[in-house]
Amino acid sequence: MVRTRTIWATAAVMTAALGAAAIPAQAASPTAAVAAARAAVACPTGWGSLDKAYTAGATTPVRDARTGQHDCYDRLVIDVPGAAAGELGYSVRYVDRLYQDGSGRYIPVGGGAILEVRVSAPAYDPDTGAPTYPARAAQPLPGVNITGYRTFRDTRYAGSFEGETQIGLGVRARLPFRVQRLDGHLVVDVAHGWTAAR
């Protein structure tokens, strides 16, 4: 009788132990799964931080600028609806200070480094001179909120002069970046770091 009770007690303890061990695998939270998936993301490398440019010019005006956060980089998109990718000339480079074209006015930009972004498209109607993008010189980009971004620290509109629109992008440090031309959009991505790890 004592032996039977011992066998039943041992069986009960083993069942409880095996059941407890199985629960964490079955009940893994969605948050843990998302974190594991993000940890597996391999970030691109090799963009570099040297000046990047493409010579072209669009008469189609800039209409908007917006930002977004991604696993490996923060993104700035300048919307030039109606412009073909091949028409979107640009110059993107790190500068020590941002100076407005035409006037030479110094525009302070927050962050550890400053990317000067120029798109070869006006922010005004070429026929009438009426603004097509409601930004004001030396002010943050309208409608853009970069609170909580890993790389972006500040945005400043410098102006639009002789068919070129100029923006200052404050970033955490001098980090790798890439520029993409798409129909209707110029895209600037700035990496969160120099390595492939997130």
N, C-alpha and C. Protein backbone atom coordinates (compact mmCIF):
# COMPACT_ATOMS: atom_id res chain seq x y z
N MET A 1 0.82 -1.19 0.00
CA MET A 1 0.00 0.00 0.00
C MET A 1 0.86 1.25 0.00
N VAL A 2 1.94 1.26 0.79
CA VAL A 2 2.84 2.41 0.85
C VAL A 2 3.51 2.58 -0.49
N ARG A 3 3.90 1.42 -1.13
CA ARG A 3 4.54 1.50 -2.42
C ARG A 3 3.61 2.10 -3.47
N THR A 4 2.31 1.76 -3.44
CA THR A 4 1.34 2.29 -4.40
C THR A 4 1.20 3.79 -4.23
N ARG A 5 1.09 4.25 -2.97
CA ARG A 5 1.00 5.71 -2.74
C ARG A 5 2.23 6.44 -3.26
N THR A 6 3.42 5.86 -3.05
CA THR A 6 4.66 6.48 -3.51
C THR A 6 4.67 6.59 -5.03
N ILE A 7 4.22 5.53 -5.70
CA ILE A 7 4.19 5.53 -7.17
C ILE A 7 3.24 6.62 -7.65
N TRP A 8 2.04 6.71 -7.03
CA TRP A 8 1.06 7.73 -7.44
C TRP A 8 1.58 9.14 -7.17
N ALA A 9 2.24 9.34 -6.05
CA ALA A 9 2.78 10.66 -5.71
C ALA A 9 3.88 11.04 -6.70
N THR A 10 4.73 10.08 -7.04
CA THR A 10 5.81 10.36 -8.01
C THR A 10 5.22 10.70 -9.37
N ALA A 11 4.19 9.95 -9.79
CA ALA A 11 3.55 10.20 -11.08
C ALA A 11 2.91 11.59 -11.10
N ALA A 12 2.27 11.99 -10.01
CA ALA A 12 1.62 13.31 -9.93
C ALA A 12 2.66 14.43 -10.03
N VAL A 13 3.78 14.29 -9.33
CA VAL A 13 4.84 15.31 -9.37
C VAL A 13 5.41 15.41 -10.77
N MET A 14 5.66 14.28 -11.44
CA MET A 14 6.23 14.31 -12.78
C MET A 14 5.27 14.94 -13.78
N THR A 15 3.97 14.63 -13.66
CA THR A 15 2.98 15.22 -14.55
C THR A 15 2.93 16.73 -14.38
N ALA A 16 2.94 17.19 -13.14
CA ALA A 16 2.92 18.62 -12.87
C ALA A 16 4.17 19.30 -13.43
N ALA A 17 5.31 18.66 -13.26
CA ALA A 17 6.57 19.25 -13.74
C ALA A 17 6.58 19.32 -15.27
N LEU A 18 6.14 18.23 -15.91
CA LEU A 18 6.11 18.25 -17.38
C LEU A 18 5.11 19.27 -17.90
N GLY A 19 3.98 19.37 -17.25
CA GLY A 19 2.95 20.34 -17.67
C GLY A 19 3.46 21.76 -17.51
N ALA A 20 4.15 22.06 -16.42
CA ALA A 20 4.68 23.41 -16.18
C ALA A 20 5.75 23.74 -17.20
N ALA A 21 6.55 22.75 -17.59
CA ALA A 21 7.61 23.01 -18.56
C ALA A 21 7.01 23.31 -19.93
N ALA A 22 5.86 22.70 -20.24
CA ALA A 22 5.25 22.90 -21.55
C ALA A 22 4.52 24.23 -21.66
N ILE A 23 4.06 24.80 -20.57
CA ILE A 23 3.25 26.02 -20.62
C ILE A 23 3.99 27.20 -21.23
N PRO A 24 5.23 27.52 -20.85
CA PRO A 24 5.87 28.68 -21.44
C PRO A 24 5.98 28.61 -22.96
N ALA A 25 6.23 27.42 -23.51
CA ALA A 25 6.35 27.29 -24.95
C ALA A 25 5.01 27.55 -25.62
N GLN A 26 3.93 27.09 -25.03
CA GLN A 26 2.62 27.25 -25.63
C GLN A 26 2.06 28.64 -25.42
N ALA A 27 2.42 29.29 -24.31
CA ALA A 27 1.81 30.56 -23.96
C ALA A 27 2.75 31.74 -24.17
N ALA A 28 3.68 31.61 -25.13
CA ALA A 28 4.60 32.72 -25.39
C ALA A 28 3.79 33.94 -25.82
N SER A 29 4.06 35.06 -25.21
CA SER A 29 3.26 36.25 -25.48
C SER A 29 3.57 36.80 -26.87
N PRO A 30 2.58 37.47 -27.52
CA PRO A 30 2.82 38.08 -28.83
C PRO A 30 3.94 39.11 -28.76
N THR A 31 4.07 39.82 -27.63
CA THR A 31 5.11 40.82 -27.49
C THR A 31 6.49 40.17 -27.57
N ALA A 32 6.66 39.03 -26.93
CA ALA A 32 7.93 38.32 -26.97
C ALA A 32 8.24 37.86 -28.39
N ALA A 33 7.22 37.41 -29.13
CA ALA A 33 7.41 36.96 -30.51
C ALA A 33 7.84 38.12 -31.39
N VAL A 34 7.22 39.29 -31.21
CA VAL A 34 7.58 40.47 -31.99
C VAL A 34 9.02 40.89 -31.69
N ALA A 35 9.39 40.88 -30.40
CA ALA A 35 10.75 41.25 -30.01
C ALA A 35 11.77 40.29 -30.62
N ALA A 36 11.45 39.00 -30.65
CA ALA A 36 12.36 38.01 -31.23
C ALA A 36 12.50 38.24 -32.73
N ALA A 37 11.38 38.55 -33.40
CA ALA A 37 11.43 38.81 -34.84
C ALA A 37 12.26 40.04 -35.15
N ARG A 38 12.11 41.09 -34.35
CA ARG A 38 12.88 42.31 -34.57
C ARG A 38 14.37 42.07 -34.33
N ALA A 39 14.69 41.24 -33.35
CA ALA A 39 16.09 40.95 -33.06
C ALA A 39 16.75 40.24 -34.23
N ALA A 40 15.93 39.51 -35.03
CA ALA A 40 16.46 38.76 -36.16
C ALA A 40 16.66 39.63 -37.40
N VAL A 41 16.20 40.88 -37.39
CA VAL A 41 16.33 41.76 -38.55
C VAL A 41 17.81 42.07 -38.80
N ALA A 42 18.23 41.85 -40.02
CA ALA A 42 19.60 42.20 -40.41
C ALA A 42 19.55 43.54 -41.12
N CYS A 43 20.20 44.54 -40.55
CA CYS A 43 20.16 45.88 -41.12
C CYS A 43 21.19 46.02 -42.23
N PRO A 44 20.84 46.77 -43.29
CA PRO A 44 21.80 46.97 -44.38
C PRO A 44 23.00 47.78 -43.92
N THR A 45 24.13 47.50 -44.50
CA THR A 45 25.33 48.28 -44.21
C THR A 45 25.94 48.71 -45.53
N GLY A 46 26.93 49.55 -45.47
CA GLY A 46 27.63 49.94 -46.68
C GLY A 46 27.10 51.20 -47.35
N TRP A 47 26.14 51.89 -46.74
CA TRP A 47 25.63 53.12 -47.35
C TRP A 47 26.68 54.23 -47.32
N GLY A 48 27.45 54.28 -46.25
CA GLY A 48 28.45 55.32 -46.11
C GLY A 48 27.85 56.66 -45.73
N SER A 49 28.73 57.62 -45.42
CA SER A 49 28.26 58.95 -45.00
C SER A 49 28.81 60.06 -45.89
N LEU A 50 29.36 59.68 -47.05
CA LEU A 50 29.89 60.68 -47.97
C LEU A 50 28.75 61.34 -48.76
N ASP A 51 29.06 62.49 -49.36
CA ASP A 51 28.07 63.23 -50.14
C ASP A 51 27.46 62.34 -51.22
N LYS A 52 26.16 62.56 -51.46
CA LYS A 52 25.46 61.84 -52.52
C LYS A 52 24.70 62.87 -53.35
N ALA A 53 24.74 62.72 -54.68
CA ALA A 53 24.08 63.70 -55.55
C ALA A 53 23.67 63.06 -56.86
N TYR A 54 22.66 63.65 -57.46
CA TYR A 54 22.19 63.26 -58.79
C TYR A 54 21.75 64.54 -59.48
N THR A 55 22.30 64.77 -60.68
CA THR A 55 22.01 66.02 -61.38
C THR A 55 20.81 65.86 -62.30
N ALA A 56 19.77 66.62 -62.00
CA ALA A 56 18.55 66.69 -62.81
C ALA A 56 17.74 67.84 -62.23
N GLY A 57 16.64 68.16 -62.84
CA GLY A 57 15.81 69.23 -62.31
C GLY A 57 14.36 69.06 -62.70
N ALA A 58 13.47 69.31 -61.76
CA ALA A 58 12.04 69.21 -62.00
C ALA A 58 11.41 70.58 -61.81
N THR A 59 10.44 70.89 -62.67
CA THR A 59 9.67 72.13 -62.45
C THR A 59 8.43 71.83 -61.64
N THR A 60 8.15 70.54 -61.45
CA THR A 60 7.02 70.14 -60.60
C THR A 60 7.37 70.50 -59.16
N PRO A 61 6.46 71.19 -58.45
CA PRO A 61 6.83 71.67 -57.11
C PRO A 61 6.70 70.64 -55.99
N VAL A 62 7.47 70.88 -54.94
CA VAL A 62 7.39 70.12 -53.69
C VAL A 62 6.04 70.43 -53.04
N ARG A 63 5.37 69.39 -52.54
CA ARG A 63 4.06 69.57 -51.90
C ARG A 63 4.06 69.22 -50.42
N ASP A 64 4.99 68.35 -50.01
CA ASP A 64 4.97 67.91 -48.61
C ASP A 64 6.31 67.28 -48.25
N ALA A 65 6.56 67.16 -46.95
CA ALA A 65 7.69 66.41 -46.41
C ALA A 65 7.18 65.67 -45.19
N ARG A 66 7.59 64.43 -45.04
CA ARG A 66 7.11 63.61 -43.92
C ARG A 66 8.22 62.66 -43.50
N THR A 67 8.06 62.07 -42.33
CA THR A 67 9.08 61.16 -41.80
C THR A 67 8.43 59.87 -41.32
N GLY A 68 9.26 58.85 -41.14
CA GLY A 68 8.80 57.56 -40.62
C GLY A 68 9.93 56.83 -39.94
N GLN A 69 9.56 55.88 -39.08
CA GLN A 69 10.54 55.07 -38.36
C GLN A 69 10.50 53.65 -38.89
N HIS A 70 11.67 53.04 -39.06
CA HIS A 70 11.79 51.66 -39.53
C HIS A 70 12.74 50.92 -38.59
N ASP A 71 12.83 49.62 -38.74
CA ASP A 71 13.67 48.82 -37.85
C ASP A 71 15.13 49.25 -37.87
N CYS A 72 15.64 49.63 -39.05
CA CYS A 72 17.07 49.89 -39.20
C CYS A 72 17.41 51.36 -39.43
N TYR A 73 16.42 52.19 -39.71
CA TYR A 73 16.70 53.58 -40.07
C TYR A 73 15.47 54.46 -39.84
N ASP A 74 15.72 55.78 -39.82
CA ASP A 74 14.66 56.77 -39.85
C ASP A 74 14.60 57.32 -41.26
N ARG A 75 13.41 57.70 -41.72
CA ARG A 75 13.20 58.07 -43.12
C ARG A 75 12.58 59.45 -43.26
N LEU A 76 13.11 60.23 -44.20
CA LEU A 76 12.53 61.50 -44.62
C LEU A 76 12.07 61.33 -46.06
N VAL A 77 10.81 61.69 -46.34
CA VAL A 77 10.27 61.62 -47.69
C VAL A 77 9.84 63.02 -48.10
N ILE A 78 10.34 63.47 -49.25
CA ILE A 78 9.92 64.75 -49.82
C ILE A 78 9.01 64.42 -51.00
N ASP A 79 7.78 64.86 -50.93
CA ASP A 79 6.79 64.55 -51.95
C ASP A 79 6.79 65.60 -53.05
N VAL A 80 7.00 65.12 -54.28
CA VAL A 80 6.97 65.98 -55.47
C VAL A 80 6.04 65.29 -56.46
N PRO A 81 4.71 65.31 -56.19
CA PRO A 81 3.78 64.54 -57.02
C PRO A 81 3.83 64.99 -58.48
N GLY A 82 3.87 63.99 -59.35
CA GLY A 82 3.91 64.28 -60.79
C GLY A 82 5.30 64.28 -61.38
N ALA A 83 6.33 64.33 -60.56
CA ALA A 83 7.71 64.30 -61.06
C ALA A 83 8.16 62.85 -61.24
N ALA A 84 8.75 62.57 -62.38
CA ALA A 84 9.30 61.23 -62.61
C ALA A 84 10.60 61.08 -61.81
N ALA A 85 10.94 59.85 -61.46
CA ALA A 85 12.15 59.60 -60.67
C ALA A 85 13.38 60.21 -61.33
N GLY A 86 13.48 60.10 -62.66
CA GLY A 86 14.63 60.62 -63.37
C GLY A 86 14.75 62.13 -63.35
N GLU A 87 13.66 62.84 -63.01
CA GLU A 87 13.68 64.31 -62.94
C GLU A 87 14.11 64.83 -61.58
N LEU A 88 14.17 63.96 -60.59
CA LEU A 88 14.43 64.40 -59.22
C LEU A 88 15.94 64.46 -58.95
N GLY A 89 16.50 65.62 -59.19
CA GLY A 89 17.89 65.82 -58.82
C GLY A 89 17.99 66.11 -57.33
N TYR A 90 19.14 65.84 -56.75
CA TYR A 90 19.31 66.08 -55.31
C TYR A 90 20.78 66.22 -54.97
N SER A 91 21.02 66.74 -53.79
CA SER A 91 22.33 66.76 -53.16
C SER A 91 22.08 66.57 -51.66
N VAL A 92 22.68 65.55 -51.09
CA VAL A 92 22.53 65.27 -49.66
C VAL A 92 23.94 65.10 -49.09
N ARG A 93 24.25 65.89 -48.06
CA ARG A 93 25.61 65.84 -47.50
C ARG A 93 25.61 66.34 -46.07
N TYR A 94 26.59 65.89 -45.31
CA TYR A 94 26.79 66.40 -43.97
C TYR A 94 27.49 67.76 -44.05
N VAL A 95 26.99 68.69 -43.23
CA VAL A 95 27.59 70.03 -43.16
C VAL A 95 27.82 70.39 -41.70
N ASP A 96 28.75 71.31 -41.46
CA ASP A 96 29.00 71.77 -40.09
C ASP A 96 27.90 72.70 -39.62
N ARG A 97 27.39 73.54 -40.53
CA ARG A 97 26.32 74.50 -40.24
C ARG A 97 25.44 74.62 -41.47
N LEU A 98 24.17 74.94 -41.25
CA LEU A 98 23.24 75.10 -42.36
C LEU A 98 23.07 76.59 -42.67
N TYR A 99 23.31 76.93 -43.93
CA TYR A 99 23.13 78.32 -44.38
C TYR A 99 22.10 78.35 -45.50
N GLN A 100 21.19 79.29 -45.40
CA GLN A 100 20.13 79.42 -46.39
C GLN A 100 20.69 79.91 -47.72
N ASP A 101 20.27 79.26 -48.80
CA ASP A 101 20.66 79.70 -50.14
C ASP A 101 20.16 81.12 -50.38
N GLY A 102 20.93 81.86 -51.15
CA GLY A 102 20.52 83.22 -51.50
C GLY A 102 20.94 84.23 -50.46
N SER A 103 20.40 84.10 -49.24
CA SER A 103 20.67 85.10 -48.19
C SER A 103 21.95 84.79 -47.40
N GLY A 104 22.32 83.52 -47.32
CA GLY A 104 23.46 83.13 -46.50
C GLY A 104 23.13 83.09 -45.01
N ARG A 105 21.86 83.23 -44.67
CA ARG A 105 21.41 83.23 -43.27
C ARG A 105 21.74 81.90 -42.60
N TYR A 106 22.31 81.96 -41.39
CA TYR A 106 22.60 80.77 -40.61
C TYR A 106 21.31 80.27 -39.98
N ILE A 107 21.04 78.96 -40.13
CA ILE A 107 19.85 78.35 -39.54
C ILE A 107 20.30 77.25 -38.58
N PRO A 108 20.12 77.45 -37.26
CA PRO A 108 20.51 76.42 -36.29
C PRO A 108 19.69 75.14 -36.47
N VAL A 109 20.37 74.00 -36.38
CA VAL A 109 19.72 72.69 -36.48
C VAL A 109 20.23 71.85 -35.33
N GLY A 110 19.33 71.27 -34.53
CA GLY A 110 19.72 70.46 -33.39
C GLY A 110 20.22 69.08 -33.80
N GLY A 111 21.01 68.45 -32.92
CA GLY A 111 21.50 67.11 -33.17
C GLY A 111 23.02 67.06 -33.14
N GLY A 112 23.56 65.86 -33.23
CA GLY A 112 25.00 65.69 -33.21
C GLY A 112 25.64 65.92 -34.57
N ALA A 113 24.83 65.87 -35.64
CA ALA A 113 25.32 66.12 -37.00
C ALA A 113 24.16 66.66 -37.82
N ILE A 114 24.49 67.34 -38.92
CA ILE A 114 23.47 67.98 -39.76
C ILE A 114 23.60 67.47 -41.19
N LEU A 115 22.50 66.94 -41.71
CA LEU A 115 22.43 66.58 -43.12
C LEU A 115 21.72 67.70 -43.85
N GLU A 116 22.36 68.25 -44.87
CA GLU A 116 21.71 69.23 -45.73
C GLU A 116 21.10 68.47 -46.90
N VAL A 117 19.77 68.58 -47.04
CA VAL A 117 19.04 67.87 -48.09
C VAL A 117 18.54 68.91 -49.08
N ARG A 118 18.96 68.77 -50.33
CA ARG A 118 18.49 69.66 -51.39
C ARG A 118 17.80 68.80 -52.46
N VAL A 119 16.63 69.22 -52.86
CA VAL A 119 15.94 68.57 -53.97
C VAL A 119 15.78 69.60 -55.08
N SER A 120 16.07 69.20 -56.30
CA SER A 120 16.01 70.12 -57.43
C SER A 120 14.57 70.26 -57.91
N ALA A 121 13.76 70.84 -57.05
CA ALA A 121 12.36 71.13 -57.34
C ALA A 121 11.96 72.31 -56.46
N PRO A 122 11.19 73.26 -56.99
CA PRO A 122 10.80 74.42 -56.18
C PRO A 122 9.69 74.07 -55.19
N ALA A 123 9.58 74.84 -54.12
CA ALA A 123 8.47 74.69 -53.17
C ALA A 123 7.45 75.80 -53.43
N TYR A 124 7.36 76.19 -54.70
CA TYR A 124 6.42 77.23 -55.12
C TYR A 124 6.01 76.94 -56.57
N ASP A 125 4.89 77.50 -56.97
CA ASP A 125 4.43 77.36 -58.35
C ASP A 125 5.34 78.20 -59.25
N PRO A 126 6.02 77.58 -60.23
CA PRO A 126 6.95 78.34 -61.07
C PRO A 126 6.27 79.45 -61.88
N ASP A 127 4.98 79.29 -62.17
CA ASP A 127 4.28 80.30 -62.97
C ASP A 127 3.82 81.49 -62.15
N THR A 128 3.38 81.23 -60.91
CA THR A 128 2.80 82.31 -60.10
C THR A 128 3.67 82.73 -58.92
N GLY A 129 4.60 81.85 -58.52
CA GLY A 129 5.41 82.13 -57.33
C GLY A 129 4.70 81.81 -56.02
N ALA A 130 3.46 81.32 -56.11
CA ALA A 130 2.70 80.98 -54.90
C ALA A 130 3.29 79.74 -54.22
N PRO A 131 3.46 79.75 -52.89
CA PRO A 131 4.01 78.59 -52.19
C PRO A 131 3.15 77.34 -52.39
N THR A 132 3.80 76.20 -52.57
CA THR A 132 3.09 74.92 -52.68
C THR A 132 3.33 74.05 -51.45
N TYR A 133 4.25 74.46 -50.60
CA TYR A 133 4.56 73.74 -49.36
C TYR A 133 4.56 74.77 -48.24
N PRO A 134 3.72 74.57 -47.22
CA PRO A 134 3.49 75.61 -46.21
C PRO A 134 4.55 75.71 -45.12
N ALA A 135 5.81 75.65 -45.49
CA ALA A 135 6.88 75.72 -44.50
C ALA A 135 7.40 77.15 -44.39
N ARG A 136 8.01 77.45 -43.24
CA ARG A 136 8.60 78.77 -43.02
C ARG A 136 10.08 78.61 -42.72
N ALA A 137 10.88 79.49 -43.30
CA ALA A 137 12.33 79.41 -43.14
C ALA A 137 12.73 79.39 -41.67
N ALA A 138 13.67 78.52 -41.35
CA ALA A 138 14.25 78.34 -40.01
C ALA A 138 13.31 77.66 -39.02
N GLN A 139 12.14 77.24 -39.46
CA GLN A 139 11.17 76.57 -38.58
C GLN A 139 11.18 75.06 -38.85
N PRO A 140 10.72 74.25 -37.88
CA PRO A 140 10.60 72.81 -38.13
C PRO A 140 9.64 72.54 -39.29
N LEU A 141 9.81 71.41 -39.94
CA LEU A 141 8.93 71.05 -41.05
C LEU A 141 7.50 70.90 -40.54
N PRO A 142 6.53 71.53 -41.21
CA PRO A 142 5.15 71.47 -40.73
C PRO A 142 4.59 70.06 -40.77
N GLY A 143 3.89 69.69 -39.69
CA GLY A 143 3.24 68.39 -39.60
C GLY A 143 4.18 67.24 -39.30
N VAL A 144 5.45 67.51 -39.06
CA VAL A 144 6.43 66.45 -38.80
C VAL A 144 6.73 66.41 -37.30
N ASN A 145 6.56 65.22 -36.70
CA ASN A 145 6.85 65.04 -35.28
C ASN A 145 7.85 63.89 -35.15
N ILE A 146 9.07 64.19 -34.77
CA ILE A 146 10.11 63.15 -34.69
C ILE A 146 10.40 62.74 -33.24
N THR A 147 9.50 63.03 -32.34
CA THR A 147 9.66 62.62 -30.94
C THR A 147 9.78 61.10 -30.87
N GLY A 148 10.80 60.62 -30.19
CA GLY A 148 10.99 59.18 -30.01
C GLY A 148 11.75 58.51 -31.13
N TYR A 149 12.17 59.24 -32.15
CA TYR A 149 12.94 58.63 -33.24
C TYR A 149 14.34 58.26 -32.72
N ARG A 150 14.91 57.19 -33.26
CA ARG A 150 16.23 56.74 -32.81
C ARG A 150 17.35 57.56 -33.42
N THR A 151 17.16 58.09 -34.63
CA THR A 151 18.23 58.80 -35.32
C THR A 151 17.92 60.28 -35.51
N PHE A 152 16.72 60.63 -35.94
CA PHE A 152 16.39 62.03 -36.21
C PHE A 152 16.25 62.82 -34.92
N ARG A 153 16.80 64.04 -34.91
CA ARG A 153 16.72 64.92 -33.75
C ARG A 153 16.04 66.25 -34.05
N ASP A 154 16.09 66.72 -35.31
CA ASP A 154 15.53 68.03 -35.65
C ASP A 154 15.30 68.10 -37.15
N THR A 155 14.34 68.91 -37.56
CA THR A 155 14.13 69.22 -38.97
C THR A 155 13.97 70.73 -39.09
N ARG A 156 14.56 71.31 -40.12
CA ARG A 156 14.45 72.76 -40.36
C ARG A 156 14.29 73.01 -41.85
N TYR A 157 13.34 73.86 -42.16
CA TYR A 157 13.16 74.27 -43.55
C TYR A 157 14.07 75.47 -43.78
N ALA A 158 14.90 75.39 -44.81
CA ALA A 158 15.81 76.49 -45.10
C ALA A 158 15.24 77.41 -46.18
N GLY A 159 14.42 76.86 -47.07
CA GLY A 159 13.81 77.70 -48.09
C GLY A 159 13.85 77.06 -49.45
N SER A 160 13.37 77.79 -50.44
CA SER A 160 13.38 77.34 -51.83
C SER A 160 13.86 78.52 -52.66
N PHE A 161 14.97 78.31 -53.38
CA PHE A 161 15.61 79.40 -54.10
C PHE A 161 16.08 78.90 -55.46
N GLU A 162 15.67 79.61 -56.49
CA GLU A 162 16.06 79.28 -57.86
C GLU A 162 15.82 77.81 -58.21
N GLY A 163 14.63 77.33 -57.86
CA GLY A 163 14.23 75.98 -58.23
C GLY A 163 14.75 74.86 -57.36
N GLU A 164 15.43 75.18 -56.26
CA GLU A 164 15.92 74.16 -55.33
C GLU A 164 15.32 74.37 -53.96
N THR A 165 14.89 73.28 -53.35
CA THR A 165 14.34 73.34 -51.99
C THR A 165 15.37 72.74 -51.04
N GLN A 166 15.59 73.42 -49.92
CA GLN A 166 16.68 73.09 -48.99
C GLN A 166 16.11 72.80 -47.59
N ILE A 167 16.52 71.67 -47.03
CA ILE A 167 16.06 71.24 -45.71
C ILE A 167 17.27 70.84 -44.87
N GLY A 168 17.25 71.18 -43.59
CA GLY A 168 18.27 70.73 -42.65
C GLY A 168 17.69 69.60 -41.81
N LEU A 169 18.41 68.50 -41.73
CA LEU A 169 17.97 67.34 -40.96
C LEU A 169 19.00 67.07 -39.88
N GLY A 170 18.62 67.31 -38.62
CA GLY A 170 19.50 67.04 -37.49
C GLY A 170 19.41 65.58 -37.11
N VAL A 171 20.57 64.92 -37.01
CA VAL A 171 20.60 63.50 -36.65
C VAL A 171 21.48 63.30 -35.42
N ARG A 172 21.38 62.12 -34.82
CA ARG A 172 22.08 61.83 -33.56
C ARG A 172 23.59 61.95 -33.70
N ALA A 173 24.12 61.48 -34.82
CA ALA A 173 25.57 61.50 -35.09
C ALA A 173 25.76 61.36 -36.59
N ARG A 174 26.99 61.45 -37.03
CA ARG A 174 27.27 61.26 -38.46
C ARG A 174 27.12 59.78 -38.77
N LEU A 175 26.00 59.41 -39.33
CA LEU A 175 25.63 58.02 -39.57
C LEU A 175 25.48 57.75 -41.07
N PRO A 176 25.53 56.48 -41.48
CA PRO A 176 25.36 56.16 -42.89
C PRO A 176 23.95 56.55 -43.37
N PHE A 177 23.87 56.95 -44.64
CA PHE A 177 22.56 57.29 -45.22
C PHE A 177 22.51 56.87 -46.68
N ARG A 178 21.30 56.74 -47.19
CA ARG A 178 21.10 56.48 -48.61
C ARG A 178 20.01 57.41 -49.12
N VAL A 179 19.99 57.61 -50.44
CA VAL A 179 18.99 58.45 -51.09
C VAL A 179 18.37 57.63 -52.22
N GLN A 180 17.04 57.64 -52.29
CA GLN A 180 16.34 56.93 -53.34
C GLN A 180 15.42 57.89 -54.10
N ARG A 181 15.42 57.77 -55.41
CA ARG A 181 14.51 58.53 -56.26
C ARG A 181 13.40 57.61 -56.71
N LEU A 182 12.18 57.98 -56.40
CA LEU A 182 11.00 57.24 -56.84
C LEU A 182 10.09 58.23 -57.56
N ASP A 183 9.21 57.74 -58.39
CA ASP A 183 8.26 58.65 -59.03
C ASP A 183 7.50 59.43 -57.96
N GLY A 184 7.64 60.74 -57.97
CA GLY A 184 6.90 61.59 -57.05
C GLY A 184 7.51 61.74 -55.67
N HIS A 185 8.65 61.09 -55.40
CA HIS A 185 9.21 61.12 -54.04
C HIS A 185 10.73 61.06 -54.06
N LEU A 186 11.34 61.86 -53.19
CA LEU A 186 12.76 61.72 -52.88
C LEU A 186 12.83 61.18 -51.46
N VAL A 187 13.55 60.09 -51.26
CA VAL A 187 13.59 59.39 -49.97
C VAL A 187 15.00 59.41 -49.41
N VAL A 188 15.14 59.85 -48.16
CA VAL A 188 16.44 59.86 -47.49
C VAL A 188 16.32 59.00 -46.23
N ASP A 189 17.10 57.92 -46.17
CA ASP A 189 17.11 57.03 -45.01
C ASP A 189 18.43 57.22 -44.26
N VAL A 190 18.36 57.39 -42.96
CA VAL A 190 19.57 57.52 -42.13
C VAL A 190 19.58 56.36 -41.14
N ALA A 191 20.64 55.56 -41.18
CA ALA A 191 20.73 54.34 -40.38
C ALA A 191 20.78 54.65 -38.88
N HIS A 192 20.36 53.69 -38.09
CA HIS A 192 20.44 53.83 -36.63
C HIS A 192 21.86 53.62 -36.13
N GLY A 193 22.71 52.96 -36.92
CA GLY A 193 24.08 52.71 -36.50
C GLY A 193 24.94 52.31 -37.67
N TRP A 194 26.21 52.04 -37.40
CA TRP A 194 27.17 51.69 -38.44
C TRP A 194 27.26 50.21 -38.70
N THR A 195 26.70 49.38 -37.82
CA THR A 195 26.84 47.93 -37.98
C THR A 195 25.53 47.31 -38.42
N ALA A 196 25.58 46.02 -38.75
CA ALA A 196 24.39 45.30 -39.20
C ALA A 196 23.44 45.00 -38.05
N ALA A 197 23.90 45.14 -36.80
CA ALA A 197 23.04 44.88 -35.65
C ALA A 197 22.11 46.07 -35.43
N ARG A 198 20.88 45.79 -35.01
CA ARG A 198 19.91 46.84 -34.76
C ARG A 198 20.31 47.65 -33.56
